[in-house]
């Protein structure tokens, strides 16, 4: 699936996720009108068609449904950043994210629990 989203497509996904994963196109249009976007129905239809082609949404019987969950999207985008920017090395990502500075004891504990939950891979 192509999870590359424009800023506006991301706004649509965030709204769908916030509303439990599905909405009518009319409700989406009203939401965006209320937030300063003076879209015509065709504009929204074009956006939704592009998002449908990317595998992000599905339309059926006057409903737009998010096909990809917010967690799945975040997971895919995070993996992509680690792979493309940090050569697939999670430790490089963590070092860059923290700026090689100390992290809180709470964060250390949370990370240790996550590692234990996921299991350690012998390298």
PDB file of N, CA and C in Angstrom:
ATOM      1  N   UNK A   1       0.835  -1.203   0.000  1.00  0.00           N
ATOM      2  CA  UNK A   1       0.000   0.000   0.000  1.00  0.00           C
ATOM      3  C   UNK A   1       0.869   1.252   0.000  1.00  0.00           C
ATOM      4  N   UNK A   2       0.381   2.279  -0.625  1.00  0.00           N
ATOM      5  CA  UNK A   2       1.082   3.551  -0.668  1.00  0.00           C
ATOM      6  C   UNK A   2       0.540   4.442   0.448  1.00  0.00           C
ATOM      7  N   UNK A   3       1.315   4.576   1.503  1.00  0.00           N
ATOM      8  CA  UNK A   3       0.878   5.382   2.640  1.00  0.00           C
ATOM      9  C   UNK A   3       1.372   6.818   2.563  1.00  0.00           C
ATOM     10  N   UNK A   4       1.862   7.237   1.408  1.00  0.00           N
ATOM     11  CA  UNK A   4       2.302   8.616   1.245  1.00  0.00           C
ATOM     12  C   UNK A   4       1.071   9.505   1.151  1.00  0.00           C
ATOM     13  N   UNK A   5       0.890  10.356   2.140  1.00  0.00           N
ATOM     14  CA  UNK A   5      -0.294  11.212   2.193  1.00  0.00           C
ATOM     15  C   UNK A   5       0.080  12.679   2.139  1.00  0.00           C
ATOM     16  N   UNK A   6      -0.744  13.441   1.444  1.00  0.00           N
ATOM     17  CA  UNK A   6      -0.582  14.899   1.465  1.00  0.00           C
ATOM     18  C   UNK A   6      -1.081  15.405   2.818  1.00  0.00           C
ATOM     19  N   UNK A   7      -0.809  16.657   3.078  1.00  0.00           N
ATOM     20  CA  UNK A   7      -1.256  17.257   4.334  1.00  0.00           C
ATOM     21  C   UNK A   7      -2.782  17.171   4.456  1.00  0.00           C
ATOM     22  N   UNK A   8      -3.479  17.451   3.383  1.00  0.00           N
ATOM     23  CA  UNK A   8      -4.945  17.414   3.400  1.00  0.00           C
ATOM     24  C   UNK A   8      -5.458  15.995   3.561  1.00  0.00           C
ATOM     25  N   UNK A   9      -4.834  15.032   2.883  1.00  0.00           N
ATOM     26  CA  UNK A   9      -5.240  13.639   3.046  1.00  0.00           C
ATOM     27  C   UNK A   9      -5.053  13.197   4.494  1.00  0.00           C
ATOM     28  N   UNK A  10      -3.967  13.668   5.107  1.00  0.00           N
ATOM     29  CA  UNK A  10      -3.717  13.331   6.518  1.00  0.00           C
ATOM     30  C   UNK A  10      -4.801  13.934   7.409  1.00  0.00           C
ATOM     31  N   UNK A  11      -5.251  15.129   7.089  1.00  0.00           N
ATOM     32  CA  UNK A  11      -6.345  15.750   7.850  1.00  0.00           C
ATOM     33  C   UNK A  11      -7.610  14.887   7.767  1.00  0.00           C
ATOM     34  N   UNK A  12      -7.887  14.386   6.586  1.00  0.00           N
ATOM     35  CA  UNK A  12      -9.067  13.531   6.404  1.00  0.00           C
ATOM     36  C   UNK A  12      -8.921  12.269   7.240  1.00  0.00           C
ATOM     37  N   UNK A  13      -7.745  11.655   7.194  1.00  0.00           N
ATOM     38  CA  UNK A  13      -7.532  10.431   7.981  1.00  0.00           C
ATOM     39  C   UNK A  13      -7.662  10.708   9.472  1.00  0.00           C
ATOM     40  N   UNK A  14      -7.089  11.792   9.942  1.00  0.00           N
ATOM     41  CA  UNK A  14      -7.179  12.110  11.378  1.00  0.00           C
ATOM     42  C   UNK A  14      -8.638  12.274  11.804  1.00  0.00           C
ATOM     43  N   UNK A  15      -9.418  12.925  10.957  1.00  0.00           N
ATOM     44  CA  UNK A  15     -10.832  13.113  11.277  1.00  0.00           C
ATOM     45  C   UNK A  15     -11.557  11.767  11.292  1.00  0.00           C
ATOM     46  N   UNK A  16     -11.288  10.918  10.317  1.00  0.00           N
ATOM     47  CA  UNK A  16     -11.912   9.591  10.296  1.00  0.00           C
ATOM     48  C   UNK A  16     -11.528   8.795  11.538  1.00  0.00           C
ATOM     49  N   UNK A  17     -10.254   8.788  11.884  1.00  0.00           N
ATOM     50  CA  UNK A  17      -9.804   8.044  13.064  1.00  0.00           C
ATOM     51  C   UNK A  17     -10.467   8.583  14.327  1.00  0.00           C
ATOM     52  N   UNK A  18     -10.559   9.903  14.412  1.00  0.00           N
ATOM     53  CA  UNK A  18     -11.175  10.525  15.589  1.00  0.00           C
ATOM     54  C   UNK A  18     -12.647  10.143  15.708  1.00  0.00           C
ATOM     55  N   UNK A  19     -13.304   9.954  14.589  1.00  0.00           N
ATOM     56  CA  UNK A  19     -14.739   9.643  14.575  1.00  0.00           C
ATOM     57  C   UNK A  19     -15.011   8.137  14.547  1.00  0.00           C
ATOM     58  N   UNK A  20     -14.026   7.346  14.891  1.00  0.00           N
ATOM     59  CA  UNK A  20     -14.248   5.914  14.969  1.00  0.00           C
ATOM     60  C   UNK A  20     -14.048   5.164  13.670  1.00  0.00           C
ATOM     61  N   UNK A  21     -13.504   5.815  12.668  1.00  0.00           N
ATOM     62  CA  UNK A  21     -13.143   5.123  11.446  1.00  0.00           C
ATOM     63  C   UNK A  21     -14.054   5.322  10.262  1.00  0.00           C
ATOM     64  N   UNK A  22     -15.242   5.889  10.463  1.00  0.00           N
ATOM     65  CA  UNK A  22     -16.086   6.126   9.289  1.00  0.00           C
ATOM     66  C   UNK A  22     -16.994   7.331   9.478  1.00  0.00           C
ATOM     67  N   UNK A  23     -17.294   7.939   8.337  1.00  0.00           N
ATOM     68  CA  UNK A  23     -18.154   9.122   8.298  1.00  0.00           C
ATOM     69  C   UNK A  23     -18.820   9.180   6.930  1.00  0.00           C
ATOM     70  N   UNK A  24     -19.851   9.983   6.845  1.00  0.00           N
ATOM     71  CA  UNK A  24     -20.439  10.240   5.527  1.00  0.00           C
ATOM     72  C   UNK A  24     -19.608  11.321   4.845  1.00  0.00           C
ATOM     73  N   UNK A  25     -19.575  11.325   3.524  1.00  0.00           N
ATOM     74  CA  UNK A  25     -18.869  12.403   2.821  1.00  0.00           C
ATOM     75  C   UNK A  25     -19.444  13.766   3.200  1.00  0.00           C
ATOM     76  N   UNK A  26     -20.741  13.816   3.400  1.00  0.00           N
ATOM     77  CA  UNK A  26     -21.378  15.079   3.787  1.00  0.00           C
ATOM     78  C   UNK A  26     -20.830  15.591   5.121  1.00  0.00           C
ATOM     79  N   UNK A  27     -20.690  14.698   6.106  1.00  0.00           N
ATOM     80  CA  UNK A  27     -20.148  15.095   7.409  1.00  0.00           C
ATOM     81  C   UNK A  27     -18.700  15.558   7.277  1.00  0.00           C
ATOM     82  N   UNK A  28     -17.933  14.896   6.426  1.00  0.00           N
ATOM     83  CA  UNK A  28     -16.554  15.328   6.183  1.00  0.00           C
ATOM     84  C   UNK A  28     -16.525  16.721   5.563  1.00  0.00           C
ATOM     85  N   UNK A  29     -17.384  16.930   4.583  1.00  0.00           N
ATOM     86  CA  UNK A  29     -17.453  18.227   3.920  1.00  0.00           C
ATOM     87  C   UNK A  29     -17.844  19.327   4.911  1.00  0.00           C
ATOM     88  N   UNK A  30     -18.807  19.048   5.758  1.00  0.00           N
ATOM     89  CA  UNK A  30     -19.229  20.017   6.778  1.00  0.00           C
ATOM     90  C   UNK A  30     -18.100  20.310   7.754  1.00  0.00           C
ATOM     91  N   UNK A  31     -17.368  19.269   8.143  1.00  0.00           N
ATOM     92  CA  UNK A  31     -16.228  19.465   9.044  1.00  0.00           C
ATOM     93  C   UNK A  31     -15.216  20.412   8.421  1.00  0.00           C
ATOM     94  N   UNK A  32     -14.869  20.178   7.160  1.00  0.00           N
ATOM     95  CA  UNK A  32     -13.869  21.020   6.515  1.00  0.00           C
ATOM     96  C   UNK A  32     -14.399  22.425   6.236  1.00  0.00           C
ATOM     97  N   UNK A  33     -15.668  22.557   5.925  1.00  0.00           N
ATOM     98  CA  UNK A  33     -16.246  23.896   5.777  1.00  0.00           C
ATOM     99  C   UNK A  33     -16.136  24.657   7.095  1.00  0.00           C
ATOM    100  N   UNK A  34     -16.394  23.954   8.205  1.00  0.00           N
ATOM    101  CA  UNK A  34     -16.294  24.572   9.525  1.00  0.00           C
ATOM    102  C   UNK A  34     -14.876  24.919   9.924  1.00  0.00           C
ATOM    103  N   UNK A  35     -13.911  24.369   9.216  1.00  0.00           N
ATOM    104  CA  UNK A  35     -12.503  24.638   9.512  1.00  0.00           C
ATOM    105  C   UNK A  35     -11.820  25.439   8.412  1.00  0.00           C
ATOM    106  N   UNK A  36     -12.624  26.223   7.687  1.00  0.00           N
ATOM    107  CA  UNK A  36     -12.064  27.181   6.754  1.00  0.00           C
ATOM    108  C   UNK A  36     -11.742  26.678   5.357  1.00  0.00           C
ATOM    109  N   UNK A  37     -12.102  25.456   5.037  1.00  0.00           N
ATOM    110  CA  UNK A  37     -11.869  24.956   3.675  1.00  0.00           C
ATOM    111  C   UNK A  37     -13.189  25.029   2.915  1.00  0.00           C
ATOM    112  N   UNK A  38     -13.223  25.879   1.932  1.00  0.00           N
ATOM    113  CA  UNK A  38     -14.449  26.070   1.155  1.00  0.00           C
ATOM    114  C   UNK A  38     -14.458  25.111  -0.032  1.00  0.00           C
ATOM    115  N   UNK A  39     -14.511  23.828   0.280  1.00  0.00           N
ATOM    116  CA  UNK A  39     -14.481  22.805  -0.758  1.00  0.00           C
ATOM    117  C   UNK A  39     -15.839  22.588  -1.378  1.00  0.00           C
ATOM    118  N   UNK A  40     -15.804  22.252  -2.634  1.00  0.00           N
ATOM    119  CA  UNK A  40     -16.990  21.764  -3.318  1.00  0.00           C
ATOM    120  C   UNK A  40     -17.014  20.252  -3.124  1.00  0.00           C
ATOM    121  N   UNK A  41     -18.150  19.655  -3.341  1.00  0.00           N
ATOM    122  CA  UNK A  41     -18.289  18.198  -3.191  1.00  0.00           C
ATOM    123  C   UNK A  41     -17.297  17.458  -4.101  1.00  0.00           C
ATOM    124  N   UNK A  42     -17.081  17.979  -5.311  1.00  0.00           N
ATOM    125  CA  UNK A  42     -16.156  17.337  -6.254  1.00  0.00           C
ATOM    126  C   UNK A  42     -14.726  17.334  -5.723  1.00  0.00           C
ATOM    127  N   UNK A  43     -14.340  18.380  -5.005  1.00  0.00           N
ATOM    128  CA  UNK A  43     -12.993  18.435  -4.431  1.00  0.00           C
ATOM    129  C   UNK A  43     -12.798  17.291  -3.441  1.00  0.00           C
ATOM    130  N   UNK A  44     -13.772  17.105  -2.560  1.00  0.00           N
ATOM    131  CA  UNK A  44     -13.690  16.010  -1.595  1.00  0.00           C
ATOM    132  C   UNK A  44     -13.695  14.659  -2.310  1.00  0.00           C
ATOM    133  N   UNK A  45     -14.541  14.529  -3.323  1.00  0.00           N
ATOM    134  CA  UNK A  45     -14.610  13.280  -4.080  1.00  0.00           C
ATOM    135  C   UNK A  45     -13.261  12.956  -4.709  1.00  0.00           C
ATOM    136  N   UNK A  46     -12.593  13.958  -5.257  1.00  0.00           N
ATOM    137  CA  UNK A  46     -11.272  13.760  -5.851  1.00  0.00           C
ATOM    138  C   UNK A  46     -10.270  13.304  -4.801  1.00  0.00           C
ATOM    139  N   UNK A  47     -10.288  13.946  -3.642  1.00  0.00           N
ATOM    140  CA  UNK A  47      -9.376  13.566  -2.558  1.00  0.00           C
ATOM    141  C   UNK A  47      -9.637  12.122  -2.127  1.00  0.00           C
ATOM    142  N   UNK A  48     -10.895  11.773  -1.961  1.00  0.00           N
ATOM    143  CA  UNK A  48     -11.244  10.425  -1.514  1.00  0.00           C
ATOM    144  C   UNK A  48     -10.887   9.372  -2.557  1.00  0.00           C
ATOM    145  N   UNK A  49     -11.020   9.714  -3.824  1.00  0.00           N
ATOM    146  CA  UNK A  49     -10.636   8.789  -4.895  1.00  0.00           C
ATOM    147  C   UNK A  49      -9.144   8.503  -4.826  1.00  0.00           C
ATOM    148  N   UNK A  50      -8.343   9.527  -4.641  1.00  0.00           N
ATOM    149  CA  UNK A  50      -6.885   9.343  -4.520  1.00  0.00           C
ATOM    150  C   UNK A  50      -6.552   8.476  -3.310  1.00  0.00           C
ATOM    151  N   UNK A  51      -7.231   8.733  -2.210  1.00  0.00           N
ATOM    152  CA  UNK A  51      -6.970   7.979  -0.980  1.00  0.00           C
ATOM    153  C   UNK A  51      -7.429   6.528  -1.111  1.00  0.00           C
ATOM    154  N   UNK A  52      -8.480   6.322  -1.876  1.00  0.00           N
ATOM    155  CA  UNK A  52      -8.967   4.965  -2.135  1.00  0.00           C
ATOM    156  C   UNK A  52      -7.928   4.205  -2.983  1.00  0.00           C
ATOM    157  N   UNK A  53      -7.356   4.872  -3.964  1.00  0.00           N
ATOM    158  CA  UNK A  53      -6.323   4.262  -4.808  1.00  0.00           C
ATOM    159  C   UNK A  53      -5.088   3.898  -3.994  1.00  0.00           C
ATOM    160  N   UNK A  54      -4.813   4.648  -2.944  1.00  0.00           N
ATOM    161  CA  UNK A  54      -3.669   4.372  -2.070  1.00  0.00           C
ATOM    162  C   UNK A  54      -3.984   3.290  -1.038  1.00  0.00           C
ATOM    163  N   UNK A  55      -5.236   2.869  -0.981  1.00  0.00           N
ATOM    164  CA  UNK A  55      -5.624   1.840  -0.017  1.00  0.00           C
ATOM    165  C   UNK A  55      -5.869   2.361   1.383  1.00  0.00           C
ATOM    166  N   UNK A  56      -6.113   3.651   1.509  1.00  0.00           N
ATOM    167  CA  UNK A  56      -6.307   4.254   2.831  1.00  0.00           C
ATOM    168  C   UNK A  56      -7.772   4.275   3.256  1.00  0.00           C
ATOM    169  N   UNK A  57      -8.673   4.465   2.298  1.00  0.00           N
ATOM    170  CA  UNK A  57     -10.106   4.526   2.602  1.00  0.00           C
ATOM    171  C   UNK A  57     -10.871   3.641   1.630  1.00  0.00           C
ATOM    172  N   UNK A  58     -12.092   3.331   2.036  1.00  0.00           N
ATOM    173  CA  UNK A  58     -13.028   2.629   1.156  1.00  0.00           C
ATOM    174  C   UNK A  58     -14.344   3.376   1.242  1.00  0.00           C
ATOM    175  N   UNK A  59     -15.045   3.435   0.124  1.00  0.00           N
ATOM    176  CA  UNK A  59     -16.352   4.103   0.092  1.00  0.00           C
ATOM    177  C   UNK A  59     -17.406   3.082  -0.279  1.00  0.00           C
ATOM    178  N   UNK A  60     -18.501   3.111   0.489  1.00  0.00           N
ATOM    179  CA  UNK A  60     -19.602   2.197   0.225  1.00  0.00           C
ATOM    180  C   UNK A  60     -20.864   2.775   0.844  1.00  0.00           C
ATOM    181  N   UNK A  61     -21.912   2.823   0.045  1.00  0.00           N
ATOM    182  CA  UNK A  61     -23.221   3.270   0.521  1.00  0.00           C
ATOM    183  C   UNK A  61     -23.156   4.554   1.342  1.00  0.00           C
ATOM    184  N   UNK A  62     -22.618   5.568   0.735  1.00  0.00           N
ATOM    185  CA  UNK A  62     -22.560   6.898   1.363  1.00  0.00           C
ATOM    186  C   UNK A  62     -21.758   6.927   2.659  1.00  0.00           C
ATOM    187  N   UNK A  63     -20.798   6.047   2.781  1.00  0.00           N
ATOM    188  CA  UNK A  63     -19.887   6.075   3.926  1.00  0.00           C
ATOM    189  C   UNK A  63     -18.451   6.033   3.433  1.00  0.00           C
ATOM    190  N   UNK A  64     -17.601   6.753   4.142  1.00  0.00           N
ATOM    191  CA  UNK A  64     -16.175   6.691   3.912  1.00  0.00           C
ATOM    192  C   UNK A  64     -15.595   6.005   5.140  1.00  0.00           C
ATOM    193  N   UNK A  65     -14.824   4.938   4.911  1.00  0.00           N
ATOM    194  CA  UNK A  65     -14.280   4.163   6.022  1.00  0.00           C
ATOM    195  C   UNK A  65     -12.761   4.123   5.909  1.00  0.00           C
ATOM    196  N   UNK A  66     -12.090   4.356   7.027  1.00  0.00           N
ATOM    197  CA  UNK A  66     -10.638   4.233   7.061  1.00  0.00           C
ATOM    198  C   UNK A  66     -10.296   2.752   6.986  1.00  0.00           C
ATOM    199  N   UNK A  67      -9.504   2.370   6.003  1.00  0.00           N
ATOM    200  CA  UNK A  67      -9.081   0.985   5.846  1.00  0.00           C
ATOM    201  C   UNK A  67      -7.859   0.711   6.715  1.00  0.00           C
ATOM    202  N   UNK A  68      -7.039   1.720   6.885  1.00  0.00           N
ATOM    203  CA  UNK A  68      -5.812   1.617   7.668  1.00  0.00           C
ATOM    204  C   UNK A  68      -6.039   2.288   9.018  1.00  0.00           C
ATOM    205  N   UNK A  69      -5.732   1.583  10.093  1.00  0.00           N
ATOM    206  CA  UNK A  69      -5.885   2.168  11.432  1.00  0.00           C
ATOM    207  C   UNK A  69      -4.768   3.184  11.679  1.00  0.00           C
ATOM    208  N   UNK A  70      -4.994   4.028  12.638  1.00  0.00           N
ATOM    209  CA  UNK A  70      -3.993   5.031  12.988  1.00  0.00           C
ATOM    210  C   UNK A  70      -2.705   4.351  13.459  1.00  0.00           C
ATOM    211  N   UNK A  71      -2.847   3.291  14.244  1.00  0.00           N
ATOM    212  CA  UNK A  71      -1.682   2.566  14.751  1.00  0.00           C
ATOM    213  C   UNK A  71      -0.894   1.915  13.605  1.00  0.00           C
ATOM    214  N   UNK A  72      -1.601   1.331  12.651  1.00  0.00           N
ATOM    215  CA  UNK A  72      -0.938   0.712  11.508  1.00  0.00           C
ATOM    216  C   UNK A  72      -0.188   1.766  10.694  1.00  0.00           C
ATOM    217  N   UNK A  73      -0.816   2.908  10.493  1.00  0.00           N
ATOM    218  CA  UNK A  73      -0.185   3.992   9.745  1.00  0.00           C
ATOM    219  C   UNK A  73       1.084   4.463  10.460  1.00  0.00           C
ATOM    220  N   UNK A  74       0.972   4.682  11.767  1.00  0.00           N
ATOM    221  CA  UNK A  74       2.125   5.138  12.546  1.00  0.00           C
ATOM    222  C   UNK A  74       3.260   4.114  12.511  1.00  0.00           C
ATOM    223  N   UNK A  75       2.905   2.846  12.625  1.00  0.00           N
ATOM    224  CA  UNK A  75       3.900   1.776  12.598  1.00  0.00           C
ATOM    225  C   UNK A  75       4.633   1.764  11.249  1.00  0.00           C
ATOM    226  N   UNK A  76       3.870   1.862  10.173  1.00  0.00           N
ATOM    227  CA  UNK A  76       4.471   1.830   8.835  1.00  0.00           C
ATOM    228  C   UNK A  76       5.367   3.041   8.616  1.00  0.00           C
ATOM    229  N   UNK A  77       4.904   4.214   9.013  1.00  0.00           N
ATOM    230  CA  UNK A  77       5.693   5.433   8.822  1.00  0.00           C
ATOM    231  C   UNK A  77       6.959   5.387   9.674  1.00  0.00           C
ATOM    232  N   UNK A  78       6.865   4.883  10.890  1.00  0.00           N
ATOM    233  CA  UNK A  78       8.037   4.780  11.765  1.00  0.00           C
ATOM    234  C   UNK A  78       9.068   3.841  11.172  1.00  0.00           C
ATOM    235  N   UNK A  79       8.606   2.691  10.690  1.00  0.00           N
ATOM    236  CA  UNK A  79       9.530   1.731  10.062  1.00  0.00           C
ATOM    237  C   UNK A  79      10.203   2.348   8.842  1.00  0.00           C
ATOM    238  N   UNK A  80       9.425   3.086   8.080  1.00  0.00           N
ATOM    239  CA  UNK A  80       9.974   3.716   6.876  1.00  0.00           C
ATOM    240  C   UNK A  80      11.086   4.701   7.239  1.00  0.00           C
ATOM    241  N   UNK A  81      10.872   5.507   8.268  1.00  0.00           N
ATOM    242  CA  UNK A  81      11.891   6.469   8.702  1.00  0.00           C
ATOM    243  C   UNK A  81      13.147   5.739   9.157  1.00  0.00           C
ATOM    244  N   UNK A  82      12.980   4.696   9.975  1.00  0.00           N
ATOM    245  CA  UNK A  82      14.139   3.953  10.464  1.00  0.00           C
ATOM    246  C   UNK A  82      14.894   3.328   9.297  1.00  0.00           C
ATOM    247  N   UNK A  83      14.179   2.744   8.357  1.00  0.00           N
ATOM    248  CA  UNK A  83      14.827   2.106   7.207  1.00  0.00           C
ATOM    249  C   UNK A  83      15.529   3.121   6.310  1.00  0.00           C
ATOM    250  N   UNK A  84      14.832   4.185   5.941  1.00  0.00           N
ATOM    251  CA  UNK A  84      15.367   5.124   4.962  1.00  0.00           C
ATOM    252  C   UNK A  84      16.389   6.104   5.525  1.00  0.00           C
ATOM    253  N   UNK A  85      16.144   6.569   6.731  1.00  0.00           N
ATOM    254  CA  UNK A  85      16.998   7.617   7.293  1.00  0.00           C
ATOM    255  C   UNK A  85      18.119   7.047   8.160  1.00  0.00           C
ATOM    256  N   UNK A  86      17.845   5.947   8.860  1.00  0.00           N
ATOM    257  CA  UNK A  86      18.795   5.404   9.824  1.00  0.00           C
ATOM    258  C   UNK A  86      19.327   4.031   9.420  1.00  0.00           C
ATOM    259  N   UNK A  87      19.242   3.737   8.116  1.00  0.00           N
ATOM    260  CA  UNK A  87      19.790   2.495   7.564  1.00  0.00           C
ATOM    261  C   UNK A  87      19.277   1.250   8.298  1.00  0.00           C
ATOM    262  N   UNK A  88      18.021   1.336   8.765  1.00  0.00           N
ATOM    263  CA  UNK A  88      17.401   0.199   9.430  1.00  0.00           C
ATOM    264  C   UNK A  88      17.868  -0.045  10.853  1.00  0.00           C
ATOM    265  N   UNK A  89      18.646   0.864  11.398  1.00  0.00           N
ATOM    266  CA  UNK A  89      19.212   0.682  12.740  1.00  0.00           C
ATOM    267  C   UNK A  89      18.407   1.468  13.768  1.00  0.00           C
ATOM    268  N   UNK A  90      17.665   0.745  14.581  1.00  0.00           N
ATOM    269  CA  UNK A  90      16.828   1.380  15.605  1.00  0.00           C
ATOM    270  C   UNK A  90      17.668   2.180  16.595  1.00  0.00           C
ATOM    271  N   UNK A  91      18.844   1.670  16.925  1.00  0.00           N
ATOM    272  CA  UNK A  91      19.691   2.381  17.887  1.00  0.00           C
ATOM    273  C   UNK A  91      20.119   3.747  17.358  1.00  0.00           C
ATOM    274  N   UNK A  92      20.321   3.855  16.043  1.00  0.00           N
ATOM    275  CA  UNK A  92      20.651   5.163  15.449  1.00  0.00           C
ATOM    276  C   UNK A  92      19.474   6.123  15.566  1.00  0.00           C
ATOM    277  N   UNK A  93      18.268   5.590  15.357  1.00  0.00           N
ATOM    278  CA  UNK A  93      17.071   6.421  15.496  1.00  0.00           C
ATOM    279  C   UNK A  93      16.949   6.936  16.930  1.00  0.00           C
ATOM    280  N   UNK A  94      17.088   6.036  17.904  1.00  0.00           N
ATOM    281  CA  UNK A  94      16.949   6.424  19.319  1.00  0.00           C
ATOM    282  C   UNK A  94      18.013   7.454  19.690  1.00  0.00           C
ATOM    283  N   UNK A  95      19.246   7.224  19.232  1.00  0.00           N
ATOM    284  CA  UNK A  95      20.320   8.184  19.528  1.00  0.00           C
ATOM    285  C   UNK A  95      20.002   9.558  18.938  1.00  0.00           C
ATOM    286  N   UNK A  96      19.505   9.580  17.699  1.00  0.00           N
ATOM    287  CA  UNK A  96      19.166  10.859  17.075  1.00  0.00           C
ATOM    288  C   UNK A  96      17.968  11.499  17.764  1.00  0.00           C
ATOM    289  N   UNK A  97      16.980  10.684  18.105  1.00  0.00           N
ATOM    290  CA  UNK A  97      15.768  11.202  18.738  1.00  0.00           C
ATOM    291  C   UNK A  97      16.075  11.830  20.090  1.00  0.00           C
ATOM    292  N   UNK A  98      16.930  11.196  20.854  1.00  0.00           N
ATOM    293  CA  UNK A  98      17.259  11.717  22.185  1.00  0.00           C
ATOM    294  C   UNK A  98      18.368  12.752  22.139  1.00  0.00           C
ATOM    295  N   UNK A  99      19.019  12.873  20.990  1.00  0.00           N
ATOM    296  CA  UNK A  99      20.123  13.824  20.881  1.00  0.00           C
ATOM    297  C   UNK A  99      21.326  13.377  21.680  1.00  0.00           C
ATOM    298  N   UNK A 100      21.414  12.063  21.902  1.00  0.00           N
ATOM    299  CA  UNK A 100      22.492  11.473  22.703  1.00  0.00           C
ATOM    300  C   UNK A 100      22.572  12.090  24.091  1.00  0.00           C
ATOM    301  N   UNK A 101      21.434  12.549  24.599  1.00  0.00           N
ATOM    302  CA  UNK A 101      21.379  13.072  25.963  1.00  0.00           C
ATOM    303  C   UNK A 101      20.697  12.038  26.847  1.00  0.00           C
ATOM    304  N   UNK A 102      20.735  12.274  28.120  1.00  0.00           N
ATOM    305  CA  UNK A 102      20.105  11.342  29.053  1.00  0.00           C
ATOM    306  C   UNK A 102      18.593  11.346  28.847  1.00  0.00           C
ATOM    307  N   UNK A 103      18.004  10.172  29.074  1.00  0.00           N
ATOM    308  CA  UNK A 103      16.549  10.088  29.051  1.00  0.00           C
ATOM    309  C   UNK A 103      16.084   9.767  30.458  1.00  0.00           C
ATOM    310  N   UNK A 104      14.846  10.080  30.726  1.00  0.00           N
ATOM    311  CA  UNK A 104      14.321   9.924  32.081  1.00  0.00           C
ATOM    312  C   UNK A 104      14.278   8.458  32.507  1.00  0.00           C
ATOM    313  N   UNK A 105      14.315   8.233  33.810  1.00  0.00           N
ATOM    314  CA  UNK A 105      14.204   6.873  34.348  1.00  0.00           C
ATOM    315  C   UNK A 105      12.894   6.233  33.914  1.00  0.00           C
ATOM    316  N   UNK A 106      11.844   7.038  33.847  1.00  0.00           N
ATOM    317  CA  UNK A 106      10.537   6.518  33.421  1.00  0.00           C
ATOM    318  C   UNK A 106      10.592   6.026  31.977  1.00  0.00           C
ATOM    319  N   UNK A 107      11.250   6.789  31.108  1.00  0.00           N
ATOM    320  CA  UNK A 107      11.381   6.373  29.712  1.00  0.00           C
ATOM    321  C   UNK A 107      12.229   5.105  29.599  1.00  0.00           C
ATOM    322  N   UNK A 108      13.301   5.025  30.388  1.00  0.00           N
ATOM    323  CA  UNK A 108      14.143   3.829  30.386  1.00  0.00           C
ATOM    324  C   UNK A 108      13.318   2.615  30.794  1.00  0.00           C
ATOM    325  N   UNK A 109      12.541   2.774  31.842  1.00  0.00           N
ATOM    326  CA  UNK A 109      11.713   1.665  32.331  1.00  0.00           C
ATOM    327  C   UNK A 109      10.682   1.247  31.276  1.00  0.00           C
ATOM    328  N   UNK A 110      10.064   2.214  30.631  1.00  0.00           N
ATOM    329  CA  UNK A 110       9.076   1.918  29.592  1.00  0.00           C
ATOM    330  C   UNK A 110       9.724   1.181  28.425  1.00  0.00           C
ATOM    331  N   UNK A 111      10.900   1.630  28.009  1.00  0.00           N
ATOM    332  CA  UNK A 111      11.609   0.975  26.912  1.00  0.00           C
ATOM    333  C   UNK A 111      12.031  -0.446  27.290  1.00  0.00           C
ATOM    334  N   UNK A 112      12.493  -0.626  28.505  1.00  0.00           N
ATOM    335  CA  UNK A 112      12.883  -1.970  28.959  1.00  0.00           C
ATOM    336  C   UNK A 112      11.685  -2.908  28.965  1.00  0.00           C
ATOM    337  N   UNK A 113      10.552  -2.412  29.421  1.00  0.00           N
ATOM    338  CA  UNK A 113       9.344  -3.233  29.423  1.00  0.00           C
ATOM    339  C   UNK A 113       8.926  -3.590  28.002  1.00  0.00           C
ATOM    340  N   UNK A 114       9.037  -2.658  27.089  1.00  0.00           N
ATOM    341  CA  UNK A 114       8.695  -2.911  25.692  1.00  0.00           C
ATOM    342  C   UNK A 114       9.618  -3.964  25.086  1.00  0.00           C
ATOM    343  N   UNK A 115      10.914  -3.856  25.374  1.00  0.00           N
ATOM    344  CA  UNK A 115      11.879  -4.833  24.859  1.00  0.00           C
ATOM    345  C   UNK A 115      11.566  -6.220  25.409  1.00  0.00           C
ATOM    346  N   UNK A 116      11.250  -6.302  26.686  1.00  0.00           N
ATOM    347  CA  UNK A 116      10.906  -7.596  27.288  1.00  0.00           C
ATOM    348  C   UNK A 116       9.630  -8.159  26.671  1.00  0.00           C
ATOM    349  N   UNK A 117       8.663  -7.306  26.446  1.00  0.00           N
ATOM    350  CA  UNK A 117       7.396  -7.743  25.862  1.00  0.00           C
ATOM    351  C   UNK A 117       7.592  -8.280  24.446  1.00  0.00           C
ATOM    352  N   UNK A 118       8.413  -7.592  23.669  1.00  0.00           N
ATOM    353  CA  UNK A 118       8.644  -7.984  22.281  1.00  0.00           C
ATOM    354  C   UNK A 118       9.634  -9.130  22.161  1.00  0.00           C
ATOM    355  N   UNK A 119      10.419  -9.320  23.196  1.00  0.00           N
ATOM    356  CA  UNK A 119      11.435 -10.379  23.157  1.00  0.00           C
ATOM    357  C   UNK A 119      12.729  -9.854  22.601  1.00  0.00           C
ATOM    358  N   UNK A 120      13.776 -10.346  23.140  1.00  0.00           N
ATOM    359  CA  UNK A 120      15.109  -9.925  22.685  1.00  0.00           C
ATOM    360  C   UNK A 120      15.558 -10.800  21.537  1.00  0.00           C
ATOM    361  N   UNK A 121      16.102 -10.183  20.528  1.00  0.00           N
ATOM    362  CA  UNK A 121      16.626 -10.917  19.384  1.00  0.00           C
ATOM    363  C   UNK A 121      18.134 -11.046  19.558  1.00  0.00           C
ATOM    364  N   UNK A 122      18.607 -12.258  19.564  1.00  0.00           N
ATOM    365  CA  UNK A 122      20.046 -12.484  19.682  1.00  0.00           C
ATOM    366  C   UNK A 122      20.721 -12.053  18.403  1.00  0.00           C
ATOM    367  N   UNK A 123      21.749 -11.257  18.507  1.00  0.00           N
ATOM    368  CA  UNK A 123      22.345 -10.746  17.307  1.00  0.00           C
ATOM    369  C   UNK A 123      23.697 -11.238  17.094  1.00  0.00           C
TER     370      UNK A 123
END
